[in-house]
Amino acid sequence: MSVKAQAPVIVSASRSTDIPAFYADWFFDRLEKGYSAWTNPFNGVKSYVSYEQTRFIVFWSKNPRPLLDYLHILEKHNIKCYIQYTLNDYEQEKLERVHSLDFRIETFKMLVKQLSKEAVIWRFDPMILTDDISVDDLLRKVQNIGDQLKDYTEKLVFSYADIAMYKKVKHNLNASGIPYHEWETEQMEDFARKLSAMNSERGWNFQLATCGEKIDMAQYGILHNRCVDGDLIARLAYDDKQLMDFMKIKIEDMPTPTLFGDVDIPKGAIRLPNNRYFLSTHKKDAGQRQFCECMASKDVGEYNTCPHLCEYCYANTSKESALQNWQCHKWNPYSETITGR
C-alpha cells in the first residue's frame, strides 16, 4: 500500500456489524490482500487498516457458520481467533431475523470442534423484557440453550437491555411497536440469583459474566466481562512470541514440585499446557465506555450494515439504511470498504 494505514495486532470483527454472517467473503478477501478501508462513524473520514501485523481476531456473530470455510486462511497467516457467539432465543417473539435455534446450536458445536470450547463464547445478549417476555421466560430460554451447550463452552455472557441509554435502540423498538420494559434493579438481582443457581444445579459450570453493566453481581459469582480479553487471547495464543511480546506477557515454566507435590506459583497466575503459566497484563481500553473491560483492538466493521435487522439493534440507525448498504455491498462485494462504496 502506498497510503498510511493503521496496523493493528488485535482486530475486532466486529462490534458494528455481523462480519462472519454477511461479509465473510469480503473480510477474508481483504485479509489476503493485506488491507481494508474503514470510515469513521463520527466524522465520516476514510482511513485504512493494514493486516500486516495482525496476530489475533475476535469475531462477533449471530451466525458464524461461514467462518468454517475460512479458518484455513487464518492458519495460513498464523492468526488465531475466538468467537463471541450471540445465541439468543427470540424466535417466538420475532425480535431477530436469524436461522432456527437448532441450526445455531449445531453451528456452535461445529465451531467448537474446529477450534475449542475456550474459543467459542456463548452470549445471550441482550436480555430484553417486554409485555410478552418476563424474567422467568428469559430463564427458561437460557435453560433450554444451556442444557444443549453443556461441555461446549466455558462462559456465558449476558447484558440487561438498557434501552433508555441508547437512542438508536429506543427509536428502533418504538418504530416497530415493541412493548419493551426497562429493567429494575430488583429484577436484575432476581435474574442473576436464579441464573447462578441454575448454572450450578444443572451442572453447566459456565463462568457467568455481564457485558458493560454497572451493577455488581460478584455475590452470585458473576464477573464483569472482557469481550476482547487479553488473558483469553494469551491462553489461546501463548505460543505466538510476537503476540506475547506485543501484549507484554512472559510465559514461565512451572516450578519443580516439592516433596509433597505442591507447586508454588505467584498469586493470580494463569496455568497453560505443558507445565507453563503467565501473569495477567490485561489493560482496559480507555476509549471504550465506562463499564467495558475490553483491551484495545481495532474494529473493522461499520454501522448501518447489518441485515439481521434485530428489533433492539444499536448498530443500525434504521432497517432501511442497513439494507441499502447491504445492497451496495452486493453490487461491489470485494471493494476496499465493507459497503462497496
C-alpha atoms as a PDB file:
ATOM      1  CA  MET A   1       0.000   0.000   0.000  1.00  0.00           C
ATOM      2  CA  SER A   2       1.199   3.497  -0.786  1.00  0.00           C
ATOM      3  CA  VAL A   3      -1.064   5.174   1.785  1.00  0.00           C
ATOM      4  CA  LYS A   4      -0.522   5.260   5.516  1.00  0.00           C
ATOM      5  CA  ALA A   5      -2.625   2.731   7.425  1.00  0.00           C
ATOM      6  CA  GLN A   6      -3.257   1.583  10.957  1.00  0.00           C
ATOM      7  CA  ALA A   7      -1.642  -1.813  11.523  1.00  0.00           C
ATOM      8  CA  PRO A   8      -3.443  -3.456  14.448  1.00  0.00           C
ATOM      9  CA  VAL A   9      -2.102  -6.573  16.100  1.00  0.00           C
ATOM     10  CA  ILE A  10      -5.553  -7.413  17.523  1.00  0.00           C
ATOM     11  CA  VAL A  11      -8.625  -6.960  15.313  1.00  0.00           C
ATOM     12  CA  SER A  12     -12.293  -6.898  16.303  1.00  0.00           C
ATOM     13  CA  ALA A  13     -14.632  -8.132  13.566  1.00  0.00           C
ATOM     14  CA  SER A  14     -16.947  -6.648  14.646  1.00  0.00           C
ATOM     15  CA  ARG A  15     -18.994  -4.837  17.256  1.00  0.00           C
ATOM     16  CA  SER A  16     -20.521  -2.709  14.498  1.00  0.00           C
ATOM     17  CA  THR A  17     -21.949  -5.390  12.192  1.00  0.00           C
ATOM     18  CA  ASP A  18     -22.021  -9.153  11.704  1.00  0.00           C
ATOM     19  CA  ILE A  19     -18.975  -9.753   9.516  1.00  0.00           C
ATOM     20  CA  PRO A  20     -18.973 -13.585   9.774  1.00  0.00           C
ATOM     21  CA  ALA A  21     -22.653 -13.866   8.795  1.00  0.00           C
ATOM     22  CA  PHE A  22     -22.787 -11.381   5.915  1.00  0.00           C
ATOM     23  CA  TYR A  23     -19.294 -10.208   4.990  1.00  0.00           C
ATOM     24  CA  ALA A  24     -17.016 -13.230   5.447  1.00  0.00           C
ATOM     25  CA  ASP A  25     -16.145 -13.306   1.719  1.00  0.00           C
ATOM     26  CA  TRP A  26     -15.241  -9.624   1.826  1.00  0.00           C
ATOM     27  CA  PHE A  27     -13.247  -9.817   5.059  1.00  0.00           C
ATOM     28  CA  PHE A  28     -11.091 -12.775   4.100  1.00  0.00           C
ATOM     29  CA  ASP A  29     -10.504 -11.345   0.627  1.00  0.00           C
ATOM     30  CA  ARG A  30      -9.287  -8.130   2.256  1.00  0.00           C
ATOM     31  CA  LEU A  31      -7.181 -10.123   4.719  1.00  0.00           C
ATOM     32  CA  GLU A  32      -5.486 -11.870   1.802  1.00  0.00           C
ATOM     33  CA  LYS A  33      -4.974  -8.543   0.041  1.00  0.00           C
ATOM     34  CA  GLY A  34      -3.498  -7.130   3.226  1.00  0.00           C
ATOM     35  CA  TYR A  35      -5.735  -4.161   3.979  1.00  0.00           C
ATOM     36  CA  SER A  36      -9.237  -2.727   4.024  1.00  0.00           C
ATOM     37  CA  ALA A  37     -10.712   0.754   4.238  1.00  0.00           C
ATOM     38  CA  TRP A  38     -12.773   1.997   7.166  1.00  0.00           C
ATOM     39  CA  THR A  39     -14.990   5.060   7.600  1.00  0.00           C
ATOM     40  CA  ASN A  40     -15.082   6.778  10.977  1.00  0.00           C
ATOM     41  CA  PRO A  41     -18.742   6.863  12.099  1.00  0.00           C
ATOM     42  CA  PHE A  42     -18.305  10.169  13.922  1.00  0.00           C
ATOM     43  CA  ASN A  43     -16.591  12.336  11.310  1.00  0.00           C
ATOM     44  CA  GLY A  44     -17.001  10.361   8.065  1.00  0.00           C
ATOM     45  CA  VAL A  45     -13.244  10.308   7.427  1.00  0.00           C
ATOM     46  CA  LYS A  46     -11.985   7.307   5.471  1.00  0.00           C
ATOM     47  CA  SER A  47      -8.832   5.561   6.664  1.00  0.00           C
ATOM     48  CA  TYR A  48      -7.016   2.306   6.005  1.00  0.00           C
ATOM     49  CA  VAL A  49      -6.323  -0.773   8.092  1.00  0.00           C
ATOM     50  CA  SER A  50      -3.309  -2.946   7.270  1.00  0.00           C
ATOM     51  CA  TYR A  51      -3.380  -6.595   8.345  1.00  0.00           C
ATOM     52  CA  GLU A  52       0.379  -6.989   8.014  1.00  0.00           C
ATOM     53  CA  GLN A  53       0.912  -7.225  11.776  1.00  0.00           C
ATOM     54  CA  THR A  54      -2.393  -8.851  12.755  1.00  0.00           C
ATOM     55  CA  ARG A  55      -1.927 -11.844  15.056  1.00  0.00           C
ATOM     56  CA  PHE A  56      -5.371 -12.288  16.614  1.00  0.00           C
ATOM     57  CA  ILE A  57      -9.011 -11.666  15.635  1.00  0.00           C
ATOM     58  CA  VAL A  58     -12.056 -11.539  17.891  1.00  0.00           C
ATOM     59  CA  PHE A  59     -15.147 -12.358  15.839  1.00  0.00           C
ATOM     60  CA  TRP A  60     -18.667 -11.325  16.884  1.00  0.00           C
ATOM     61  CA  SER A  61     -21.636 -13.004  15.239  1.00  0.00           C
ATOM     62  CA  LYS A  62     -25.158 -14.423  15.384  1.00  0.00           C
ATOM     63  CA  ASN A  63     -24.314 -16.775  12.528  1.00  0.00           C
ATOM     64  CA  PRO A  64     -20.598 -17.574  12.408  1.00  0.00           C
ATOM     65  CA  ARG A  65     -21.075 -20.745  10.337  1.00  0.00           C
ATOM     66  CA  PRO A  66     -19.470 -19.113   7.224  1.00  0.00           C
ATOM     67  CA  LEU A  67     -16.209 -18.931   9.201  1.00  0.00           C
ATOM     68  CA  LEU A  68     -15.849 -22.691   8.883  1.00  0.00           C
ATOM     69  CA  ASP A  69     -14.894 -22.217   5.231  1.00  0.00           C
ATOM     70  CA  TYR A  70     -12.161 -19.714   6.087  1.00  0.00           C
ATOM     71  CA  LEU A  71     -10.391 -20.983   9.209  1.00  0.00           C
ATOM     72  CA  HIS A  72      -7.654 -22.426   6.977  1.00  0.00           C
ATOM     73  CA  ILE A  73      -6.794 -18.881   5.853  1.00  0.00           C
ATOM     74  CA  LEU A  74      -6.220 -17.861   9.455  1.00  0.00           C
ATOM     75  CA  GLU A  75      -3.974 -20.893   9.920  1.00  0.00           C
ATOM     76  CA  LYS A  76      -2.015 -19.954   6.785  1.00  0.00           C
ATOM     77  CA  HIS A  77      -1.336 -16.499   8.200  1.00  0.00           C
ATOM     78  CA  ASN A  78      -0.678 -17.826  11.717  1.00  0.00           C
ATOM     79  CA  ILE A  79      -3.589 -15.770  13.050  1.00  0.00           C
ATOM     80  CA  LYS A  80      -5.612 -17.172  15.926  1.00  0.00           C
ATOM     81  CA  CYS A  81      -9.136 -16.225  16.938  1.00  0.00           C
ATOM     82  CA  TYR A  82     -12.062 -16.697  19.226  1.00  0.00           C
ATOM     83  CA  ILE A  83     -15.755 -16.073  18.645  1.00  0.00           C
ATOM     84  CA  GLN A  84     -18.272 -14.071  20.642  1.00  0.00           C
ATOM     85  CA  TYR A  85     -21.318 -16.059  19.530  1.00  0.00           C
ATOM     86  CA  THR A  86     -24.630 -14.322  20.291  1.00  0.00           C
ATOM     87  CA  LEU A  87     -27.057 -17.203  20.624  1.00  0.00           C
ATOM     88  CA  ASN A  88     -30.386 -15.827  21.841  1.00  0.00           C
ATOM     89  CA  ASP A  89     -33.853 -17.320  21.659  1.00  0.00           C
ATOM     90  CA  TYR A  90     -36.365 -14.747  20.496  1.00  0.00           C
ATOM     91  CA  GLU A  91     -37.857 -16.985  17.790  1.00  0.00           C
ATOM     92  CA  GLN A  92     -41.425 -16.830  19.079  1.00  0.00           C
ATOM     93  CA  GLU A  93     -41.305 -13.055  19.568  1.00  0.00           C
ATOM     94  CA  LYS A  94     -39.572 -12.479  16.191  1.00  0.00           C
ATOM     95  CA  LEU A  95     -37.155  -9.918  17.620  1.00  0.00           C
ATOM     96  CA  GLU A  96     -34.361 -11.206  15.338  1.00  0.00           C
ATOM     97  CA  ARG A  97     -34.113 -12.432  11.762  1.00  0.00           C
ATOM     98  CA  VAL A  98     -31.784 -15.362  12.260  1.00  0.00           C
ATOM     99  CA  HIS A  99     -31.594 -19.074  11.487  1.00  0.00           C
ATOM    100  CA  SER A 100     -33.539 -21.541  13.604  1.00  0.00           C
ATOM    101  CA  LEU A 101     -32.308 -22.192  17.124  1.00  0.00           C
ATOM    102  CA  ASP A 102     -31.427 -25.782  16.200  1.00  0.00           C
ATOM    103  CA  PHE A 103     -29.284 -24.552  13.287  1.00  0.00           C
ATOM    104  CA  ARG A 104     -27.481 -22.075  15.515  1.00  0.00           C
ATOM    105  CA  ILE A 105     -26.788 -24.603  18.260  1.00  0.00           C
ATOM    106  CA  GLU A 106     -25.475 -27.044  15.644  1.00  0.00           C
ATOM    107  CA  THR A 107     -23.198 -24.265  14.334  1.00  0.00           C
ATOM    108  CA  PHE A 108     -21.910 -23.634  17.846  1.00  0.00           C
ATOM    109  CA  LYS A 109     -20.905 -27.268  18.248  1.00  0.00           C
ATOM    110  CA  MET A 110     -19.291 -27.382  14.795  1.00  0.00           C
ATOM    111  CA  LEU A 111     -17.131 -24.376  15.651  1.00  0.00           C
ATOM    112  CA  VAL A 112     -16.117 -25.862  18.999  1.00  0.00           C
ATOM    113  CA  LYS A 113     -14.999 -29.000  17.170  1.00  0.00           C
ATOM    114  CA  GLN A 114     -12.822 -26.918  14.823  1.00  0.00           C
ATOM    115  CA  LEU A 115     -11.472 -24.510  17.440  1.00  0.00           C
ATOM    116  CA  SER A 116     -12.048 -25.393  21.112  1.00  0.00           C
ATOM    117  CA  LYS A 117     -14.651 -24.769  23.770  1.00  0.00           C
ATOM    118  CA  GLU A 118     -12.458 -21.968  25.123  1.00  0.00           C
ATOM    119  CA  ALA A 119     -12.600 -20.225  21.746  1.00  0.00           C
ATOM    120  CA  VAL A 120     -16.395 -20.140  21.333  1.00  0.00           C
ATOM    121  CA  ILE A 121     -18.158 -17.976  23.913  1.00  0.00           C
ATOM    122  CA  TRP A 122     -21.915 -18.049  24.379  1.00  0.00           C
ATOM    123  CA  ARG A 123     -23.620 -14.679  24.600  1.00  0.00           C
ATOM    124  CA  PHE A 124     -27.310 -14.275  25.408  1.00  0.00           C
ATOM    125  CA  ASP A 125     -27.319 -10.578  24.686  1.00  0.00           C
ATOM    126  CA  PRO A 126     -29.335  -8.564  25.383  1.00  0.00           C
ATOM    127  CA  MET A 127     -31.777  -9.870  27.952  1.00  0.00           C
ATOM    128  CA  ILE A 128     -34.851  -7.893  26.976  1.00  0.00           C
ATOM    129  CA  LEU A 129     -38.146  -7.585  28.863  1.00  0.00           C
ATOM    130  CA  THR A 130     -41.431  -6.927  27.052  1.00  0.00           C
ATOM    131  CA  ASP A 131     -45.125  -7.417  27.654  1.00  0.00           C
ATOM    132  CA  ASP A 132     -44.553 -10.980  26.376  1.00  0.00           C
ATOM    133  CA  ILE A 133     -41.148 -11.759  27.939  1.00  0.00           C
ATOM    134  CA  SER A 134     -40.767 -11.913  31.724  1.00  0.00           C
ATOM    135  CA  VAL A 135     -37.720 -12.665  33.867  1.00  0.00           C
ATOM    136  CA  ASP A 136     -38.871 -16.262  34.213  1.00  0.00           C
ATOM    137  CA  ASP A 137     -39.405 -16.519  30.450  1.00  0.00           C
ATOM    138  CA  LEU A 138     -35.798 -15.468  29.900  1.00  0.00           C
ATOM    139  CA  LEU A 139     -34.571 -18.005  32.430  1.00  0.00           C
ATOM    140  CA  ARG A 140     -36.473 -20.772  30.622  1.00  0.00           C
ATOM    141  CA  LYS A 141     -34.908 -19.718  27.334  1.00  0.00           C
ATOM    142  CA  VAL A 142     -31.423 -19.724  28.863  1.00  0.00           C
ATOM    143  CA  GLN A 143     -32.020 -23.127  30.453  1.00  0.00           C
ATOM    144  CA  ASN A 144     -33.022 -24.661  27.122  1.00  0.00           C
ATOM    145  CA  ILE A 145     -29.882 -23.445  25.375  1.00  0.00           C
ATOM    146  CA  GLY A 146     -27.597 -24.003  28.352  1.00  0.00           C
ATOM    147  CA  ASP A 147     -28.578 -27.655  28.622  1.00  0.00           C
ATOM    148  CA  GLN A 148     -27.598 -28.129  24.970  1.00  0.00           C
ATOM    149  CA  LEU A 149     -24.293 -26.265  25.298  1.00  0.00           C
ATOM    150  CA  LYS A 150     -23.127 -28.044  28.449  1.00  0.00           C
ATOM    151  CA  ASP A 151     -19.468 -29.042  27.951  1.00  0.00           C
ATOM    152  CA  TYR A 152     -19.276 -26.979  24.727  1.00  0.00           C
ATOM    153  CA  THR A 153     -18.172 -23.644  26.201  1.00  0.00           C
ATOM    154  CA  GLU A 154     -16.553 -22.141  29.257  1.00  0.00           C
ATOM    155  CA  LYS A 155     -18.545 -18.944  29.530  1.00  0.00           C
ATOM    156  CA  LEU A 156     -21.992 -17.362  29.289  1.00  0.00           C
ATOM    157  CA  VAL A 157     -22.024 -13.592  28.797  1.00  0.00           C
ATOM    158  CA  PHE A 158     -25.212 -11.554  29.092  1.00  0.00           C
ATOM    159  CA  SER A 159     -26.387  -7.982  29.443  1.00  0.00           C
ATOM    160  CA  TYR A 160     -29.605  -6.335  30.535  1.00  0.00           C
ATOM    161  CA  ALA A 161     -31.180  -4.275  27.750  1.00  0.00           C
ATOM    162  CA  ASP A 162     -30.630  -0.693  28.902  1.00  0.00           C
ATOM    163  CA  ILE A 163     -32.897   0.948  26.379  1.00  0.00           C
ATOM    164  CA  ALA A 164     -33.050   4.500  27.706  1.00  0.00           C
ATOM    165  CA  MET A 165     -29.269   4.890  27.350  1.00  0.00           C
ATOM    166  CA  TYR A 166     -29.201   4.098  23.628  1.00  0.00           C
ATOM    167  CA  LYS A 167     -31.172   6.384  21.338  1.00  0.00           C
ATOM    168  CA  LYS A 168     -30.929   4.010  18.359  1.00  0.00           C
ATOM    169  CA  VAL A 169     -32.277   1.099  20.398  1.00  0.00           C
ATOM    170  CA  LYS A 170     -35.163   3.120  21.785  1.00  0.00           C
ATOM    171  CA  HIS A 171     -36.000   4.507  18.350  1.00  0.00           C
ATOM    172  CA  ASN A 172     -35.886   1.098  16.671  1.00  0.00           C
ATOM    173  CA  LEU A 173     -38.080  -0.551  19.310  1.00  0.00           C
ATOM    174  CA  ASN A 174     -40.588   2.284  19.232  1.00  0.00           C
ATOM    175  CA  ALA A 175     -40.658   2.276  15.423  1.00  0.00           C
ATOM    176  CA  SER A 176     -41.553  -1.418  15.436  1.00  0.00           C
ATOM    177  CA  GLY A 177     -44.092  -1.092  18.237  1.00  0.00           C
ATOM    178  CA  ILE A 178     -42.231  -3.434  20.602  1.00  0.00           C
ATOM    179  CA  PRO A 179     -43.740  -3.092  24.130  1.00  0.00           C
ATOM    180  CA  TYR A 180     -40.413  -3.133  25.988  1.00  0.00           C
ATOM    181  CA  HIS A 181     -39.804  -2.682  29.695  1.00  0.00           C
ATOM    182  CA  GLU A 182     -36.740  -1.228  31.386  1.00  0.00           C
ATOM    183  CA  TRP A 183     -35.013  -3.482  33.915  1.00  0.00           C
ATOM    184  CA  GLU A 184     -35.405  -2.594  37.592  1.00  0.00           C
ATOM    185  CA  THR A 185     -32.502  -3.337  39.946  1.00  0.00           C
ATOM    186  CA  GLU A 186     -34.618  -5.826  41.870  1.00  0.00           C
ATOM    187  CA  GLN A 187     -35.336  -7.729  38.636  1.00  0.00           C
ATOM    188  CA  MET A 188     -31.629  -7.776  37.755  1.00  0.00           C
ATOM    189  CA  GLU A 189     -30.789  -9.228  41.152  1.00  0.00           C
ATOM    190  CA  ASP A 190     -33.562 -11.814  40.876  1.00  0.00           C
ATOM    191  CA  PHE A 191     -32.415 -12.895  37.422  1.00  0.00           C
ATOM    192  CA  ALA A 192     -28.762 -13.111  38.490  1.00  0.00           C
ATOM    193  CA  ARG A 193     -29.556 -15.142  41.609  1.00  0.00           C
ATOM    194  CA  LYS A 194     -31.710 -17.634  39.687  1.00  0.00           C
ATOM    195  CA  LEU A 195     -29.240 -17.892  36.788  1.00  0.00           C
ATOM    196  CA  SER A 196     -26.373 -18.600  39.176  1.00  0.00           C
ATOM    197  CA  ALA A 197     -28.398 -21.314  40.902  1.00  0.00           C
ATOM    198  CA  MET A 198     -29.360 -22.829  37.541  1.00  0.00           C
ATOM    199  CA  ASN A 199     -25.723 -22.866  36.416  1.00  0.00           C
ATOM    200  CA  SER A 200     -24.781 -24.880  39.498  1.00  0.00           C
ATOM    201  CA  GLU A 201     -27.825 -27.143  39.749  1.00  0.00           C
ATOM    202  CA  ARG A 202     -27.735 -28.181  36.093  1.00  0.00           C
ATOM    203  CA  GLY A 203     -24.005 -28.821  36.145  1.00  0.00           C
ATOM    204  CA  TRP A 204     -23.132 -26.332  33.413  1.00  0.00           C
ATOM    205  CA  ASN A 205     -20.303 -24.767  35.406  1.00  0.00           C
ATOM    206  CA  PHE A 206     -20.112 -21.840  32.979  1.00  0.00           C
ATOM    207  CA  GLN A 207     -18.252 -18.735  34.053  1.00  0.00           C
ATOM    208  CA  LEU A 208     -21.067 -16.186  34.145  1.00  0.00           C
ATOM    209  CA  ALA A 209     -20.283 -12.614  33.172  1.00  0.00           C
ATOM    210  CA  THR A 210     -22.104  -9.391  32.335  1.00  0.00           C
ATOM    211  CA  CYS A 211     -21.171  -7.125  29.444  1.00  0.00           C
ATOM    212  CA  GLY A 212     -20.871  -3.405  30.155  1.00  0.00           C
ATOM    213  CA  GLU A 213     -23.065  -3.483  33.265  1.00  0.00           C
ATOM    214  CA  LYS A 214     -22.617  -1.094  36.182  1.00  0.00           C
ATOM    215  CA  ILE A 215     -24.347  -3.393  38.676  1.00  0.00           C
ATOM    216  CA  ASP A 216     -22.021  -5.648  40.680  1.00  0.00           C
ATOM    217  CA  MET A 217     -23.077  -9.310  40.618  1.00  0.00           C
ATOM    218  CA  ALA A 218     -19.994 -10.749  42.342  1.00  0.00           C
ATOM    219  CA  GLN A 219     -22.079 -12.231  45.161  1.00  0.00           C
ATOM    220  CA  TYR A 220     -23.615 -14.562  42.557  1.00  0.00           C
ATOM    221  CA  GLY A 221     -20.257 -15.489  41.035  1.00  0.00           C
ATOM    222  CA  ILE A 222     -20.913 -13.238  38.026  1.00  0.00           C
ATOM    223  CA  LEU A 223     -17.953 -11.241  36.719  1.00  0.00           C
ATOM    224  CA  HIS A 224     -17.693  -8.060  34.653  1.00  0.00           C
ATOM    225  CA  ASN A 225     -16.780  -9.461  31.240  1.00  0.00           C
ATOM    226  CA  ARG A 226     -13.847  -8.654  28.971  1.00  0.00           C
ATOM    227  CA  CYS A 227     -15.161  -9.306  25.481  1.00  0.00           C
ATOM    228  CA  VAL A 228     -11.740  -8.541  23.977  1.00  0.00           C
ATOM    229  CA  ASP A 229      -9.901 -10.387  26.716  1.00  0.00           C
ATOM    230  CA  GLY A 230      -6.122 -10.254  26.963  1.00  0.00           C
ATOM    231  CA  ASP A 231      -5.994 -13.271  29.252  1.00  0.00           C
ATOM    232  CA  LEU A 232      -8.072 -15.443  26.927  1.00  0.00           C
ATOM    233  CA  ILE A 233      -6.006 -14.310  23.949  1.00  0.00           C
ATOM    234  CA  ALA A 234      -2.867 -15.379  25.823  1.00  0.00           C
ATOM    235  CA  ARG A 235      -4.399 -18.749  26.737  1.00  0.00           C
ATOM    236  CA  LEU A 236      -5.207 -19.437  23.069  1.00  0.00           C
ATOM    237  CA  ALA A 237      -2.043 -18.000  21.506  1.00  0.00           C
ATOM    238  CA  TYR A 238       0.649 -18.341  24.167  1.00  0.00           C
ATOM    239  CA  ASP A 239       2.979 -19.955  21.630  1.00  0.00           C
ATOM    240  CA  ASP A 240       2.950 -16.820  19.433  1.00  0.00           C
ATOM    241  CA  LYS A 241       6.007 -14.956  20.690  1.00  0.00           C
ATOM    242  CA  GLN A 242       5.335 -11.886  18.546  1.00  0.00           C
ATOM    243  CA  LEU A 243       1.863 -11.530  20.043  1.00  0.00           C
ATOM    244  CA  MET A 244       3.028 -12.233  23.593  1.00  0.00           C
ATOM    245  CA  ASP A 245       5.787  -9.628  23.253  1.00  0.00           C
ATOM    246  CA  PHE A 246       3.229  -7.105  21.996  1.00  0.00           C
ATOM    247  CA  MET A 247       0.983  -7.847  24.977  1.00  0.00           C
ATOM    248  CA  LYS A 248       3.979  -7.796  27.355  1.00  0.00           C
ATOM    249  CA  ILE A 249       3.217 -11.303  28.575  1.00  0.00           C
ATOM    250  CA  LYS A 250       6.048 -13.560  29.711  1.00  0.00           C
ATOM    251  CA  ILE A 251       5.408 -17.299  29.613  1.00  0.00           C
ATOM    252  CA  GLU A 252       7.079 -19.033  32.552  1.00  0.00           C
ATOM    253  CA  ASP A 253       7.864 -22.674  33.289  1.00  0.00           C
ATOM    254  CA  MET A 254       6.151 -24.142  36.332  1.00  0.00           C
ATOM    255  CA  PRO A 255       8.478 -24.569  39.347  1.00  0.00           C
ATOM    256  CA  THR A 256       9.620 -28.038  40.280  1.00  0.00           C
ATOM    257  CA  PRO A 257       7.124 -29.670  42.667  1.00  0.00           C
ATOM    258  CA  THR A 258       8.126 -30.046  46.311  1.00  0.00           C
ATOM    259  CA  LEU A 259       8.434 -33.407  48.041  1.00  0.00           C
ATOM    260  CA  PHE A 260       4.752 -33.095  48.904  1.00  0.00           C
ATOM    261  CA  GLY A 261       3.744 -32.481  45.291  1.00  0.00           C
ATOM    262  CA  ASP A 262       2.944 -28.795  45.819  1.00  0.00           C
ATOM    263  CA  VAL A 263       3.801 -26.220  43.188  1.00  0.00           C
ATOM    264  CA  ASP A 264       4.389 -22.663  44.338  1.00  0.00           C
ATOM    265  CA  ILE A 265       3.367 -20.175  41.639  1.00  0.00           C
ATOM    266  CA  PRO A 266       2.513 -16.483  42.031  1.00  0.00           C
ATOM    267  CA  LYS A 267      -0.979 -15.487  43.118  1.00  0.00           C
ATOM    268  CA  GLY A 268      -3.226 -14.890  40.115  1.00  0.00           C
ATOM    269  CA  ALA A 269      -1.065 -16.932  37.741  1.00  0.00           C
ATOM    270  CA  ILE A 270      -2.935 -18.453  34.810  1.00  0.00           C
ATOM    271  CA  ARG A 271      -1.943 -22.020  34.007  1.00  0.00           C
ATOM    272  CA  LEU A 272      -1.095 -23.171  30.500  1.00  0.00           C
ATOM    273  CA  PRO A 273      -0.475 -26.596  28.948  1.00  0.00           C
ATOM    274  CA  ASN A 274       2.941 -28.244  29.210  1.00  0.00           C
ATOM    275  CA  ASN A 275       3.601 -27.002  32.745  1.00  0.00           C
ATOM    276  CA  ARG A 276       3.683 -23.310  31.954  1.00  0.00           C
ATOM    277  CA  TYR A 277       1.884 -20.217  33.243  1.00  0.00           C
ATOM    278  CA  PHE A 278       1.668 -16.440  32.843  1.00  0.00           C
ATOM    279  CA  LEU A 279       0.630 -13.414  34.856  1.00  0.00           C
ATOM    280  CA  SER A 280      -2.129 -11.220  33.512  1.00  0.00           C
ATOM    281  CA  THR A 281      -1.199  -7.877  31.980  1.00  0.00           C
ATOM    282  CA  HIS A 282      -4.722  -7.106  30.745  1.00  0.00           C
ATOM    283  CA  LYS A 283      -5.364  -3.373  30.442  1.00  0.00           C
ATOM    284  CA  LYS A 284      -8.733  -1.784  29.740  1.00  0.00           C
ATOM    285  CA  ASP A 285      -9.102   0.232  26.533  1.00  0.00           C
ATOM    286  CA  ALA A 286      -9.608   3.790  27.742  1.00  0.00           C
ATOM    287  CA  GLY A 287     -11.533   4.556  24.549  1.00  0.00           C
ATOM    288  CA  GLN A 288     -14.394   2.204  25.424  1.00  0.00           C
ATOM    289  CA  ARG A 289     -17.494   3.012  27.506  1.00  0.00           C
ATOM    290  CA  GLN A 290     -17.150   3.296  31.271  1.00  0.00           C
ATOM    291  CA  PHE A 291     -18.082  -0.248  32.263  1.00  0.00           C
ATOM    292  CA  CYS A 292     -16.469  -2.026  29.316  1.00  0.00           C
ATOM    293  CA  GLU A 293     -13.448  -4.097  30.361  1.00  0.00           C
ATOM    294  CA  CYS A 294     -12.133  -4.852  26.840  1.00  0.00           C
ATOM    295  CA  MET A 295      -8.490  -4.344  25.953  1.00  0.00           C
ATOM    296  CA  ALA A 296      -7.575  -2.199  22.947  1.00  0.00           C
ATOM    297  CA  SER A 297      -8.247  -3.562  19.459  1.00  0.00           C
ATOM    298  CA  LYS A 298      -9.156  -2.194  16.041  1.00  0.00           C
ATOM    299  CA  ASP A 299     -12.749  -2.727  14.928  1.00  0.00           C
ATOM    300  CA  VAL A 300     -13.027  -3.064  11.151  1.00  0.00           C
ATOM    301  CA  GLY A 301     -16.807  -3.097  10.764  1.00  0.00           C
ATOM    302  CA  GLU A 302     -19.174  -0.214  10.082  1.00  0.00           C
ATOM    303  CA  TYR A 303     -22.538   0.780  11.499  1.00  0.00           C
ATOM    304  CA  ASN A 304     -25.717   0.640   9.411  1.00  0.00           C
ATOM    305  CA  THR A 305     -24.615  -2.504   7.578  1.00  0.00           C
ATOM    306  CA  CYS A 306     -26.183  -5.427   9.464  1.00  0.00           C
ATOM    307  CA  PRO A 307     -29.109  -7.162   7.700  1.00  0.00           C
ATOM    308  CA  HIS A 308     -30.097  -9.218  10.754  1.00  0.00           C
ATOM    309  CA  LEU A 309     -32.467  -6.288  11.421  1.00  0.00           C
ATOM    310  CA  CYS A 310     -32.876  -7.099  15.112  1.00  0.00           C
ATOM    311  CA  GLU A 311     -35.630  -5.013  16.647  1.00  0.00           C
ATOM    312  CA  TYR A 312     -33.360  -3.896  19.509  1.00  0.00           C
ATOM    313  CA  CYS A 313     -30.359  -3.074  17.288  1.00  0.00           C
ATOM    314  CA  TYR A 314     -27.875  -0.448  18.498  1.00  0.00           C
ATOM    315  CA  ALA A 315     -25.742  -0.545  15.322  1.00  0.00           C
ATOM    316  CA  ASN A 316     -28.337   0.414  12.709  1.00  0.00           C
ATOM    317  CA  THR A 317     -29.980   3.813  12.606  1.00  0.00           C
ATOM    318  CA  SER A 318     -32.799   2.198  10.634  1.00  0.00           C
ATOM    319  CA  LYS A 319     -33.549  -1.049   8.828  1.00  0.00           C
ATOM    320  CA  GLU A 320     -33.695   0.891   5.551  1.00  0.00           C
ATOM    321  CA  SER A 321     -30.156   2.250   5.903  1.00  0.00           C
ATOM    322  CA  ALA A 322     -28.786  -1.201   6.743  1.00  0.00           C
ATOM    323  CA  LEU A 323     -30.481  -2.824   3.760  1.00  0.00           C
ATOM    324  CA  GLN A 324     -29.333  -0.045   1.434  1.00  0.00           C
ATOM    325  CA  ASN A 325     -25.708  -0.528   2.481  1.00  0.00           C
ATOM    326  CA  TRP A 326     -26.050  -4.303   2.256  1.00  0.00           C
ATOM    327  CA  GLN A 327     -27.285  -3.903  -1.325  1.00  0.00           C
ATOM    328  CA  CYS A 328     -24.332  -1.632  -2.137  1.00  0.00           C
ATOM    329  CA  HIS A 329     -22.010  -4.304  -0.797  1.00  0.00           C
ATOM    330  CA  LYS A 330     -23.596  -6.969  -3.012  1.00  0.00           C
ATOM    331  CA  TRP A 331     -23.083  -4.753  -6.073  1.00  0.00           C
ATOM    332  CA  ASN A 332     -19.374  -4.417  -5.242  1.00  0.00           C
ATOM    333  CA  PRO A 333     -18.542  -7.274  -2.826  1.00  0.00           C
ATOM    334  CA  TYR A 334     -14.747  -7.025  -2.965  1.00  0.00           C
ATOM    335  CA  SER A 335     -14.380  -3.277  -2.550  1.00  0.00           C
ATOM    336  CA  GLU A 336     -11.900  -1.782  -0.103  1.00  0.00           C
ATOM    337  CA  THR A 337     -14.845  -0.862   2.121  1.00  0.00           C
ATOM    338  CA  ILE A 338     -17.487  -3.133   3.602  1.00  0.00           C
ATOM    339  CA  THR A 339     -20.240  -1.089   1.926  1.00  0.00           C
ATOM    340  CA  GLY A 340     -18.735  -1.319  -1.559  1.00  0.00           C
ATOM    341  CA  ARG A 341     -18.562   2.457  -1.871  1.00  0.00           C
END
